């Protein structure tokens, strides 16, 4: 599993956003941190090892959360998933 950081701002909104996929003994984690104006928030998605396919799409869920927090709709454009 990759432990690189990925720029995901275009996918989730906000002024800055970065995401990570990390794993440990028996678990996988997707973490996304977002800053928009003075709001900074993190989203964490935890699953049993190799079962992140059972999670709701973390980018879609995070985008919805960011839109609710900042009170406006931002239209994302898909971005290349190269490491940041």
Protein backbone atom coordinates (compact mmCIF):
# COMPACT_ATOMS: atom_id res chain seq x y z
CA UNK A 1 0.00 0.00 0.00
CA UNK A 2 1.27 3.45 -0.91
CA UNK A 3 2.14 5.87 1.86
CA UNK A 4 2.70 8.82 -0.46
CA UNK A 5 0.71 12.02 -0.01
CA UNK A 6 -1.63 12.93 -2.87
CA UNK A 7 -2.95 16.36 -3.82
CA UNK A 8 -6.76 15.97 -3.81
CA UNK A 9 -7.95 19.60 -3.71
CA UNK A 10 -9.53 19.39 -7.14
CA UNK A 11 -11.41 16.25 -6.08
CA UNK A 12 -12.71 17.38 -2.70
CA UNK A 13 -12.73 21.21 -2.76
CA UNK A 14 -11.21 23.65 -0.32
CA UNK A 15 -8.17 25.83 -0.85
CA UNK A 16 -5.73 23.06 0.06
CA UNK A 17 -6.33 19.31 0.41
CA UNK A 18 -4.00 16.37 0.72
CA UNK A 19 -4.70 12.68 1.21
CA UNK A 20 -2.82 9.57 2.31
CA UNK A 21 -3.42 5.82 2.12
CA UNK A 22 -1.59 3.96 4.86
CA UNK A 23 -1.84 0.53 6.38
CA UNK A 24 -0.91 -1.31 9.51
CA UNK A 25 -1.21 -4.78 11.00
CA UNK A 26 -4.72 -5.80 9.94
CA UNK A 27 -6.04 -2.39 8.86
CA UNK A 28 -5.96 0.18 6.04
CA UNK A 29 -6.60 3.90 6.47
CA UNK A 30 -7.45 6.69 4.03
CA UNK A 31 -6.83 10.13 5.57
CA UNK A 32 -7.70 13.47 3.95
CA UNK A 33 -6.94 16.92 5.38
CA UNK A 34 -8.67 20.00 3.94
CA UNK A 35 -8.26 23.76 4.52
CA UNK A 36 -10.81 26.29 3.30
CA UNK A 37 -10.44 29.87 4.52
CA UNK A 38 -10.15 29.52 8.32
CA UNK A 39 -11.62 26.00 8.47
CA UNK A 40 -9.23 23.06 8.76
CA UNK A 41 -10.70 19.57 9.00
CA UNK A 42 -9.61 15.97 8.61
CA UNK A 43 -11.51 12.95 7.37
CA UNK A 44 -10.39 9.42 8.28
CA UNK A 45 -11.70 6.21 6.74
CA UNK A 46 -10.69 2.95 8.43
CA UNK A 47 -11.21 -0.59 7.09
CA UNK A 48 -9.95 -4.09 7.69
CA UNK A 49 -6.76 -4.77 5.72
CA UNK A 50 -7.51 -5.09 2.00
CA UNK A 51 -11.19 -4.17 2.45
CA UNK A 52 -11.19 -0.45 1.60
CA UNK A 53 -13.41 -1.41 -1.36
CA UNK A 54 -16.23 -1.77 1.19
CA UNK A 55 -15.92 1.89 2.24
CA UNK A 56 -18.00 4.63 0.63
CA UNK A 57 -15.81 6.52 -1.86
CA UNK A 58 -13.59 8.67 0.42
CA UNK A 59 -13.25 11.49 -2.16
CA UNK A 60 -17.03 11.77 -2.70
CA UNK A 61 -17.77 11.60 1.03
CA UNK A 62 -15.07 14.18 1.82
CA UNK A 63 -16.30 16.51 -0.95
CA UNK A 64 -19.83 16.38 0.53
CA UNK A 65 -18.45 17.12 4.00
CA UNK A 66 -16.37 20.05 2.75
CA UNK A 67 -19.36 21.49 0.89
CA UNK A 68 -21.46 21.34 4.07
CA UNK A 69 -18.70 22.89 6.18
CA UNK A 70 -17.96 25.81 3.87
CA UNK A 71 -21.58 26.35 2.87
CA UNK A 72 -21.17 26.32 -0.89
CA UNK A 73 -20.92 23.86 -3.72
CA UNK A 74 -17.58 23.46 -5.41
CA UNK A 75 -17.45 21.48 -8.64
CA UNK A 76 -14.38 19.21 -8.62
CA UNK A 77 -12.41 18.23 -11.69
CA UNK A 78 -10.67 14.85 -11.59
CA UNK A 79 -6.94 15.13 -10.98
CA UNK A 80 -3.97 12.93 -11.78
CA UNK A 81 -3.18 10.78 -8.73
CA UNK A 82 0.59 11.35 -8.78
CA UNK A 83 2.28 11.67 -5.38
CA UNK A 84 2.45 15.26 -4.11
